[in-house]
Amino acid sequence: PTFIELLLCTLLLGRVSLGGAKEACPTGLYTHSGECCKACNLGEGVAQPCGANQTVCEPCLDSVTFSDVVSATEPCKPCTECVGLQSMSAPCVEADDAVCRCAYGYYQDETTGRCEACRVCEAGSGLVFSCQDKQNTVCEECPDGTYSDEANHVDPCLPCTVCEDTERQLRACTRWADAECEEIPGRWITRATPPEGSDSTDPSTQEPEVPPEQDLVTSTVSDVVTTVMGSSQPVVTRGTADNLIPVYCSILAAVVVGLVAYIAFKRWNSCKQNKQGANSRPVNQTPPPEGEKLHSDSGISVDSQSLHDQQPHTQTAAGQALKGDGGLYSSLPLAKREEVEKLLNGSAGDTWRHLAGELGYQPEHIDSFTHEACPARALLASWAAQDSATLDTLLAALRRIQRADIVESLCSESTATSPV
């Protein structure tokens, strides 16, 4: 009896073990022989489901099919195609489907799922939230102190211009237009002294603002005669120009002294060089003149050696000035254009699409570039063929789409000094 009981226990434990092994199968499917069916990984689809044989998997085709689940039954699914006003935000790969979003200037309506044109903020209103993905443009009425003078869907309300102390306001700032300022004509400040017998010791200041035709000042050098408010006694004050005369005289004297010192130094240097040259030349050789006259009646001589030293620098500056070619984008070096294309292609979003919109391309034309191997290169090549494809136009468009890094890259080329 003991042996029989032991045998029964062994058989019972083995059955329980086999049942537990079946429950541990991740897919929950078994072949006819009881083997657990294996699942296909991400990027793979089921080519032949398990049954008599084990599961057969096949890899999905890039840009054609995908599989984003681990399954023992799901085959590869076809990729989503972005059509119409949609553009591809992320490509279809083996393990992920394509991600479509509306083209620049459009957003996806959550109710209909269609691409709708972005709302335009009218004049007097500014941008709060930009139009992108599933978010339409959010505008606000410009508050006090700000304005917006054109309708668009990219610019917020701008701060109003504040006139300086030396300006007067011609037009107040409104929601629809900025303020206009104008320089105030020169005003004269006179300090009046109290008349004799008056107890007041505080000087009063008058700042009359009168048009030029009514100005009482007859000469900037002569004394200005005014009257104290409440009294007919004339008060003689000095004009502002009187205070500037010593300044002008000092500047003129400094210029004259500097010019005389420069002439004396140049003549001394010329004489010194001539003496050294005379000592090293044969006796029968005629010494060169001290200098060449720049003007027949100026009386200023300049050393010919100094003029010769200055010629290479002048020629170099002229050579650098001749390198300008009108500022066309097509005149940029090939390496610089390839760098711009690389920065556009390496962006997280479709920067080249935004740039195409700013350069005047329509959505249908923009979609045609997606069929090219390098859409950014195709866009820039198409735009460079236009007569208006200047570097300034490209820089302005890049600033509007907030790509300061590409602007900095382009500007670094234009400021580089050419080797001499």
Protein backbone atom coordinates (compact mmCIF):
# COMPACT_ATOMS: atom_id res chain seq x y z
CA PRO A 1 0.00 0.00 0.00
CA THR A 2 2.77 2.42 0.75
CA PHE A 3 4.34 1.90 -2.67
CA ILE A 4 1.01 2.42 -4.44
CA GLU A 5 0.32 5.64 -2.56
CA LEU A 6 3.77 6.97 -3.41
CA LEU A 7 3.22 6.19 -7.10
CA LEU A 8 -0.13 7.98 -7.12
CA CYS A 9 1.38 11.08 -5.51
CA THR A 10 4.15 11.17 -8.09
CA LEU A 11 1.68 10.98 -10.99
CA LEU A 12 -0.49 13.68 -9.43
CA LEU A 13 2.47 16.07 -8.99
CA GLY A 14 3.55 15.53 -12.59
CA ARG A 15 0.08 16.39 -13.87
CA VAL A 16 0.00 19.56 -11.79
CA SER A 17 3.45 20.55 -13.15
CA LEU A 18 2.30 20.08 -16.73
CA GLY A 19 -0.81 22.17 -16.08
CA GLY A 20 1.28 24.96 -14.54
CA ALA A 21 3.60 24.98 -17.56
CA LYS A 22 0.63 25.51 -19.84
CA GLU A 23 -0.63 28.45 -17.75
CA ALA A 24 2.82 30.11 -17.97
CA CYS A 25 2.59 30.45 -21.79
CA PRO A 26 2.68 34.27 -22.55
CA THR A 27 0.57 34.06 -25.69
CA GLY A 28 -1.96 31.59 -24.29
CA LEU A 29 -1.81 29.63 -27.56
CA TYR A 30 -0.41 26.14 -28.11
CA THR A 31 0.48 23.97 -31.06
CA HIS A 32 -1.27 20.67 -31.62
CA SER A 33 1.59 19.02 -29.79
CA GLY A 34 1.05 21.27 -26.72
CA GLU A 35 4.02 23.59 -27.31
CA CYS A 36 3.50 27.28 -26.41
CA CYS A 37 3.12 29.46 -29.53
CA LYS A 38 5.77 32.18 -29.73
CA ALA A 39 4.91 35.84 -30.38
CA CYS A 40 6.37 38.07 -33.10
CA ASN A 41 8.36 41.08 -31.83
CA LEU A 42 7.86 44.75 -32.68
CA GLY A 43 8.53 45.36 -36.35
CA GLU A 44 7.51 41.78 -37.21
CA GLY A 45 4.17 40.38 -38.31
CA VAL A 46 2.71 36.88 -38.32
CA ALA A 47 3.22 35.22 -41.69
CA GLN A 48 1.75 31.84 -40.60
CA PRO A 49 -0.07 31.37 -37.28
CA CYS A 50 0.81 28.45 -35.09
CA GLY A 51 -1.23 25.28 -35.24
CA ALA A 52 0.30 22.13 -36.49
CA ASN A 53 3.59 24.04 -36.58
CA GLN A 54 5.15 26.89 -34.61
CA THR A 55 4.38 30.57 -35.43
CA VAL A 56 6.21 31.93 -38.52
CA CYS A 57 7.16 35.66 -38.32
CA GLU A 58 8.27 38.02 -41.10
CA PRO A 59 9.82 41.53 -40.84
CA CYS A 60 7.68 44.49 -41.85
CA LEU A 61 8.79 46.62 -44.82
CA ASP A 62 10.08 50.12 -44.04
CA SER A 63 7.67 52.86 -45.22
CA VAL A 64 5.22 50.16 -46.43
CA THR A 65 4.03 48.12 -43.43
CA PHE A 66 4.54 48.21 -39.66
CA SER A 67 3.74 46.33 -36.46
CA ASP A 68 3.69 48.19 -33.15
CA VAL A 69 2.52 45.24 -30.98
CA VAL A 70 4.00 41.95 -29.77
CA SER A 71 1.52 39.33 -30.97
CA ALA A 72 1.24 35.72 -32.11
CA THR A 73 -1.68 36.54 -34.43
CA GLU A 74 -1.30 40.10 -35.79
CA PRO A 75 0.26 40.49 -39.28
CA CYS A 76 2.08 43.64 -40.49
CA LYS A 77 -0.33 46.54 -41.08
CA PRO A 78 -0.11 49.03 -44.00
CA CYS A 79 1.37 52.48 -43.27
CA THR A 80 -0.87 55.54 -43.10
CA GLU A 81 -0.55 57.91 -46.07
CA CYS A 82 -0.55 61.69 -45.51
CA VAL A 83 -2.68 63.27 -48.26
CA GLY A 84 -4.22 66.62 -49.12
CA LEU A 85 -3.32 69.37 -46.66
CA GLN A 86 -1.54 66.89 -44.40
CA SER A 87 2.22 66.62 -44.14
CA MET A 88 4.32 63.87 -42.59
CA SER A 89 5.55 64.72 -39.12
CA ALA A 90 7.20 61.31 -38.51
CA PRO A 91 7.89 58.64 -41.17
CA CYS A 92 6.52 55.12 -41.11
CA VAL A 93 9.12 52.60 -39.91
CA GLU A 94 8.95 48.89 -39.12
CA ALA A 95 7.69 49.39 -35.55
CA ASP A 96 5.75 52.69 -35.83
CA ASP A 97 3.14 54.10 -38.16
CA ALA A 98 3.54 57.45 -39.91
CA VAL A 99 2.40 60.56 -38.02
CA CYS A 100 0.51 63.10 -40.15
CA ARG A 101 -0.21 66.71 -39.30
CA CYS A 102 -1.68 69.64 -41.16
CA ALA A 103 0.56 71.80 -43.35
CA TYR A 104 1.84 75.21 -42.21
CA GLY A 105 -1.05 77.65 -41.82
CA TYR A 106 -3.56 74.87 -41.00
CA TYR A 107 -4.61 72.89 -37.92
CA GLN A 108 -6.54 69.63 -37.42
CA ASP A 109 -10.11 70.15 -36.27
CA GLU A 110 -10.79 67.67 -33.46
CA THR A 111 -14.45 67.34 -34.43
CA THR A 112 -14.13 66.69 -38.16
CA GLY A 113 -10.52 65.52 -38.27
CA ARG A 114 -9.93 67.72 -41.33
CA CYS A 115 -7.27 70.38 -41.79
CA GLU A 116 -8.74 73.86 -41.40
CA ALA A 117 -7.10 77.24 -42.09
CA CYS A 118 -5.67 78.99 -39.03
CA ARG A 119 -7.62 81.91 -37.60
CA VAL A 120 -6.17 85.34 -38.50
CA CYS A 121 -5.88 87.96 -35.77
CA GLU A 122 -7.35 91.18 -37.19
CA ALA A 123 -5.73 94.60 -36.79
CA GLY A 124 -6.15 95.68 -33.18
CA SER A 125 -5.73 92.09 -31.95
CA GLY A 126 -2.59 90.05 -31.31
CA LEU A 127 -1.49 86.45 -31.00
CA VAL A 128 -1.76 84.65 -27.64
CA PHE A 129 -1.30 81.00 -28.71
CA SER A 130 0.02 80.06 -32.13
CA CYS A 131 -1.80 77.79 -34.56
CA GLN A 132 -0.26 74.30 -34.59
CA ASP A 133 -1.26 70.62 -34.55
CA LYS A 134 -4.83 70.52 -33.12
CA GLN A 135 -4.75 74.06 -31.67
CA ASN A 136 -6.28 76.96 -33.63
CA THR A 137 -4.92 80.49 -33.28
CA VAL A 138 -5.94 82.24 -30.05
CA CYS A 139 -6.14 86.04 -30.36
CA GLU A 140 -6.68 88.80 -27.83
CA GLU A 141 -7.69 92.42 -28.15
CA CYS A 142 -4.60 94.59 -27.70
CA PRO A 143 -4.58 96.08 -24.17
CA ASP A 144 -3.67 99.69 -23.39
CA GLY A 145 -0.11 100.52 -24.33
CA THR A 146 0.04 97.99 -27.19
CA TYR A 147 -1.08 97.89 -30.83
CA SER A 148 -1.31 95.70 -33.92
CA ASP A 149 -1.55 97.42 -37.32
CA GLU A 150 -1.90 94.36 -39.56
CA ALA A 151 -3.89 91.15 -39.69
CA ASN A 152 -1.89 87.89 -39.37
CA HIS A 153 -1.67 84.73 -37.28
CA VAL A 154 1.94 85.01 -36.07
CA ASP A 155 2.52 88.41 -34.39
CA PRO A 156 1.44 89.44 -30.86
CA CYS A 157 0.47 92.97 -29.85
CA LEU A 158 3.50 95.28 -29.95
CA PRO A 159 4.32 97.91 -27.28
CA CYS A 160 3.52 101.50 -28.22
CA THR A 161 6.31 103.98 -28.91
CA VAL A 162 6.92 106.44 -26.07
CA CYS A 163 7.99 109.92 -27.18
CA GLU A 164 11.26 111.23 -25.74
CA ASP A 165 11.57 114.42 -23.70
CA THR A 166 12.83 116.21 -26.82
CA GLU A 167 9.83 115.05 -28.89
CA ARG A 168 6.15 115.86 -29.00
CA GLN A 169 3.36 113.46 -29.85
CA LEU A 170 1.59 113.99 -33.17
CA ARG A 171 -0.73 110.99 -32.85
CA ALA A 172 -1.67 108.94 -29.81
CA CYS A 173 -1.19 105.18 -29.81
CA THR A 174 -4.35 103.15 -30.43
CA ARG A 175 -5.08 99.43 -30.73
CA TRP A 176 -4.72 99.73 -34.50
CA ALA A 177 -1.75 102.13 -34.93
CA ASP A 178 1.45 103.15 -33.15
CA ALA A 179 2.09 106.62 -31.77
CA GLU A 180 3.86 109.22 -33.93
CA CYS A 181 6.48 111.56 -32.49
CA GLU A 182 8.24 114.68 -33.81
CA GLU A 183 11.32 116.55 -32.69
CA ILE A 184 10.48 119.73 -30.77
CA PRO A 185 12.06 122.91 -32.25
CA GLY A 186 14.91 124.32 -30.13
CA ARG A 187 13.72 126.05 -26.99
CA TRP A 188 15.55 128.76 -25.04
CA ILE A 189 15.77 128.52 -21.23
CA THR A 190 16.11 131.85 -19.45
CA ARG A 191 16.66 132.31 -15.76
CA ALA A 192 15.12 135.51 -14.41
CA THR A 193 16.42 137.37 -11.36
CA PRO A 194 14.03 139.19 -9.01
CA PRO A 195 13.76 142.98 -9.42
CA GLU A 196 15.30 145.39 -6.97
CA GLY A 197 13.36 145.66 -3.76
CA SER A 198 11.84 142.21 -4.08
CA ASP A 199 12.21 139.75 -1.19
CA SER A 200 12.16 136.72 -3.47
CA THR A 201 15.54 135.10 -4.01
CA ASP A 202 14.44 131.94 -5.92
CA PRO A 203 15.14 132.16 -9.67
CA SER A 204 12.29 131.29 -12.00
CA THR A 205 12.73 129.38 -15.20
CA GLN A 206 10.75 129.99 -18.35
CA GLU A 207 10.71 127.52 -21.25
CA PRO A 208 8.59 129.10 -23.96
CA GLU A 209 7.70 126.72 -26.75
CA VAL A 210 7.01 128.94 -29.77
CA PRO A 211 7.22 128.29 -33.49
CA PRO A 212 10.39 129.46 -35.25
CA GLU A 213 8.56 132.37 -36.93
CA GLN A 214 7.56 133.75 -33.53
CA ASP A 215 10.94 133.26 -31.88
CA LEU A 216 12.07 136.37 -30.05
CA VAL A 217 15.74 135.41 -30.29
CA THR A 218 17.35 137.67 -32.91
CA SER A 219 20.91 136.39 -32.57
CA THR A 220 22.58 133.32 -31.02
CA VAL A 221 25.57 135.45 -30.00
CA SER A 222 23.89 138.59 -28.73
CA ASP A 223 22.26 138.90 -25.32
CA VAL A 224 18.67 137.73 -24.86
CA VAL A 225 16.33 140.26 -23.26
CA THR A 226 13.31 138.93 -21.36
CA THR A 227 11.01 140.23 -18.67
CA VAL A 228 10.19 138.83 -15.27
CA MET A 229 6.61 137.57 -14.92
CA GLY A 230 4.59 140.26 -13.13
CA SER A 231 7.22 142.98 -13.74
CA SER A 232 8.20 145.16 -16.68
CA GLN A 233 11.88 145.33 -15.67
CA PRO A 234 14.08 143.78 -18.41
CA VAL A 235 16.49 141.07 -17.42
CA VAL A 236 19.58 140.43 -19.52
CA THR A 237 20.55 136.77 -19.84
CA ARG A 238 23.10 134.97 -21.95
CA GLY A 239 22.11 132.68 -24.86
CA THR A 240 23.01 129.01 -24.99
CA ALA A 241 25.29 129.61 -28.00
CA ASP A 242 27.55 131.80 -25.83
CA ASN A 243 28.38 128.75 -23.71
CA LEU A 244 29.26 126.71 -26.80
CA ILE A 245 31.71 129.23 -28.28
CA PRO A 246 34.58 128.27 -25.90
CA VAL A 247 33.97 124.62 -26.70
CA TYR A 248 34.16 125.26 -30.44
CA CYS A 249 37.33 127.31 -30.00
CA SER A 250 38.97 124.56 -27.93
CA ILE A 251 38.15 121.91 -30.53
CA LEU A 252 39.47 124.10 -33.37
CA ALA A 253 42.68 124.83 -31.47
CA ALA A 254 43.24 121.12 -30.80
CA VAL A 255 42.76 120.32 -34.49
CA VAL A 256 45.23 123.02 -35.56
CA VAL A 257 47.85 121.90 -33.03
CA GLY A 258 47.46 118.27 -34.08
CA LEU A 259 47.80 119.17 -37.77
CA VAL A 260 50.95 121.22 -37.17
CA ALA A 261 52.48 118.42 -35.09
CA TYR A 262 51.67 115.88 -37.81
CA ILE A 263 53.28 118.03 -40.54
CA ALA A 264 56.39 118.61 -38.42
CA PHE A 265 56.76 114.90 -37.68
CA LYS A 266 56.39 113.90 -41.32
CA ARG A 267 58.98 116.45 -42.48
CA TRP A 268 61.41 115.38 -39.77
CA ASN A 269 60.94 111.72 -40.69
CA SER A 270 61.42 112.51 -44.40
CA CYS A 271 64.63 114.44 -43.76
CA LYS A 272 65.96 111.64 -41.59
CA GLN A 273 65.34 109.03 -44.31
CA ASN A 274 66.92 111.24 -46.97
CA LYS A 275 70.07 111.68 -44.90
CA GLN A 276 70.37 107.95 -44.33
CA GLY A 277 69.89 107.30 -48.06
CA ALA A 278 72.50 109.89 -49.01
CA ASN A 279 75.11 108.21 -46.82
CA SER A 280 74.56 104.82 -48.49
CA ARG A 281 74.44 106.02 -52.17
CA PRO A 282 77.37 106.90 -54.47
CA VAL A 283 78.32 110.57 -54.76
CA ASN A 284 77.21 110.90 -58.40
CA GLN A 285 73.69 109.61 -57.69
CA THR A 286 71.04 112.28 -57.43
CA PRO A 287 69.14 112.13 -54.13
CA PRO A 288 65.41 111.68 -54.38
CA PRO A 289 63.12 114.55 -53.50
CA GLU A 290 61.92 114.91 -49.95
CA GLY A 291 58.36 114.18 -50.85
CA GLU A 292 55.64 114.64 -53.40
CA LYS A 293 53.15 117.45 -53.25
CA LEU A 294 49.63 116.26 -52.78
CA HIS A 295 48.24 119.65 -53.82
CA SER A 296 50.07 122.36 -55.69
CA ASP A 297 49.16 125.06 -53.17
CA SER A 298 48.76 123.10 -49.93
CA GLY A 299 52.38 123.28 -48.84
CA ILE A 300 52.19 119.83 -47.24
CA SER A 301 54.72 117.24 -48.36
CA VAL A 302 54.18 113.52 -47.86
CA ASP A 303 56.94 110.94 -48.01
CA SER A 304 56.70 108.84 -51.19
CA GLN A 305 57.69 105.75 -49.19
CA SER A 306 54.62 106.26 -46.96
CA LEU A 307 52.40 106.48 -50.04
CA HIS A 308 53.97 103.28 -51.36
CA ASP A 309 53.31 101.50 -48.05
CA GLN A 310 49.66 102.56 -48.13
CA GLN A 311 49.01 101.27 -51.67
CA PRO A 312 48.86 97.52 -50.82
CA HIS A 313 46.29 98.20 -48.09
CA THR A 314 44.15 100.27 -50.45
CA GLN A 315 44.34 97.60 -53.14
CA THR A 316 43.44 94.90 -50.59
CA ALA A 317 40.40 96.85 -49.38
CA ALA A 318 39.31 97.43 -52.98
CA GLY A 319 39.71 93.72 -53.75
CA GLN A 320 37.57 92.80 -50.80
CA ALA A 321 34.90 95.30 -51.88
CA LEU A 322 34.75 93.72 -55.33
CA LYS A 323 33.84 90.35 -53.85
CA GLY A 324 30.17 91.37 -53.35
CA ASP A 325 27.82 89.80 -55.86
CA GLY A 326 24.46 91.40 -55.13
CA GLY A 327 23.66 89.24 -52.10
CA LEU A 328 22.09 86.38 -54.06
CA TYR A 329 21.67 83.09 -52.23
CA SER A 330 23.07 81.21 -55.24
CA SER A 331 26.37 83.09 -54.79
CA LEU A 332 27.01 81.41 -51.42
CA PRO A 333 29.73 78.74 -51.36
CA LEU A 334 28.52 75.18 -51.87
CA ALA A 335 29.69 74.18 -48.40
CA LYS A 336 27.61 76.95 -46.78
CA ARG A 337 24.48 75.98 -48.76
CA GLU A 338 24.94 72.33 -47.76
CA GLU A 339 25.25 73.43 -44.12
CA VAL A 340 21.93 75.31 -44.36
CA GLU A 341 20.27 72.21 -45.90
CA LYS A 342 21.67 70.01 -43.12
CA LEU A 343 20.32 72.35 -40.41
CA LEU A 344 16.88 72.37 -42.05
CA ASN A 345 16.78 68.56 -42.43
CA GLY A 346 18.02 67.96 -38.88
CA SER A 347 15.24 69.98 -37.28
CA ALA A 348 12.73 68.34 -34.92
CA GLY A 349 9.76 69.73 -36.90
CA ASP A 350 9.17 70.45 -40.57
CA THR A 351 11.20 73.67 -40.52
CA TRP A 352 11.68 73.57 -44.27
CA ARG A 353 7.90 73.56 -44.72
CA HIS A 354 7.55 76.67 -42.56
CA LEU A 355 10.37 78.30 -44.51
CA ALA A 356 8.66 77.43 -47.81
CA GLY A 357 5.47 79.11 -46.59
CA GLU A 358 7.40 82.26 -45.64
CA LEU A 359 9.11 82.28 -49.07
CA GLY A 360 5.71 82.38 -50.80
CA TYR A 361 5.14 78.74 -51.80
CA GLN A 362 1.60 77.36 -51.85
CA PRO A 363 0.70 74.11 -49.96
CA GLU A 364 0.36 72.17 -53.23
CA HIS A 365 3.86 73.19 -54.30
CA ILE A 366 5.25 72.43 -50.84
CA ASP A 367 3.81 68.90 -50.98
CA SER A 368 5.63 68.27 -54.25
CA PHE A 369 8.97 68.62 -52.46
CA THR A 370 8.18 65.68 -50.17
CA HIS A 371 8.71 63.30 -53.12
CA GLU A 372 12.35 64.40 -53.35
CA ALA A 373 15.13 62.55 -51.52
CA CYS A 374 16.08 65.80 -49.74
CA PRO A 375 13.05 68.16 -49.57
CA ALA A 376 15.06 71.06 -48.07
CA ARG A 377 17.61 70.92 -50.90
CA ALA A 378 14.86 70.78 -53.53
CA LEU A 379 13.12 73.80 -51.93
CA LEU A 380 16.28 75.94 -51.80
CA ALA A 381 17.28 74.95 -55.34
CA SER A 382 13.83 75.93 -56.63
CA TRP A 383 13.87 79.23 -54.74
CA ALA A 384 17.47 80.09 -55.73
CA ALA A 385 16.42 80.08 -59.40
CA GLN A 386 14.23 83.14 -58.76
CA ASP A 387 15.53 86.68 -59.33
CA SER A 388 14.34 87.70 -55.85
CA ALA A 389 16.29 84.92 -54.07
CA THR A 390 18.53 87.25 -52.05
CA LEU A 391 20.31 86.44 -48.82
CA ASP A 392 18.40 89.21 -47.01
CA THR A 393 15.07 87.62 -47.99
CA LEU A 394 16.22 84.23 -46.66
CA LEU A 395 17.48 85.73 -43.37
CA ALA A 396 14.19 87.57 -42.82
CA ALA A 397 12.18 84.37 -43.43
CA LEU A 398 14.40 82.37 -41.05
CA ARG A 399 13.93 84.98 -38.31
CA ARG A 400 10.15 84.82 -38.70
CA ILE A 401 10.17 81.05 -38.10
CA GLN A 402 12.55 81.53 -35.13
CA ARG A 403 15.58 79.75 -36.62
CA ALA A 404 18.24 82.10 -35.25
CA ASP A 405 20.82 79.27 -35.37
CA ILE A 406 20.67 79.13 -39.18
CA VAL A 407 20.76 82.95 -39.37
CA GLU A 408 23.88 82.96 -37.19
CA SER A 409 25.50 80.32 -39.41
CA LEU A 410 24.83 82.38 -42.55
CA CYS A 411 25.99 85.65 -40.98
CA SER A 412 29.24 84.07 -39.80
CA GLU A 413 30.20 83.57 -43.45
CA SER A 414 29.46 87.17 -44.43
CA THR A 415 31.58 88.63 -41.61
CA ALA A 416 34.60 86.41 -42.20
CA THR A 417 37.70 88.28 -43.46
CA SER A 418 39.23 87.07 -46.66
CA PRO A 419 42.96 86.26 -46.66
CA VAL A 420 45.31 88.86 -48.20
